[in-house]
Amino acid sequence: MERLTKRYIIQSLDNLNLSKPIRYERYYINDHLRIQKREDAYQKEILDDNNVLLKKENIKEEEFLDLKKQAYQEIIRNSYLYLEDEKISIKEYLEKYEGLFRVEVKFNTKEEMDSYQKESWMGKEITLSPLAFDKDLSKLSRNEFVEELNKFLK
């Protein structure tokens, strides 16, 4: 299954018309299992080899806390909707990945994605970089992350 998204980087959230943030705490157990706390809900997600979500289910806090102990990485982020275009969301990363603001644009068709012209406020495209997906981001050391981030912010 092909993912119909493009991802861009921006320097900050300043002057953007955004929804209230939703806080995510994500923990990667392995390449196919991640858990997350989304506000007050606890969830378990099964991913395929391409990082496409196959299954999501709500779990109890106890199961979440048990699985969290097995995690190799934690990602904390706020997620916003861009109120001027429903296809666009923005992720603001905190703690280890602070400084990353990722814009995600979702499309219904490949043609729509291929013909898309980014908004003037969007920075460089990062769709093919390790910054594009949390799973890839989770495997970067802090130094590797900073090095990768600097490639796109210059």
Foldseek 3Di string as FASTA:
>chain_A
DDFFKWKFWAQDCPPFQKDDWWKKKKFALDQFWIWICTPPWTKIFGADPVRHTDDMDTDDPVVRVVSNVNGPFIWIWIKIQRVVDRQWIWIQTDDLLHRTIMIMGGDDDPVCSVPDDDDPRTFDICCPPLSNDPSSVRPDGSVRSVVRSVVGPD
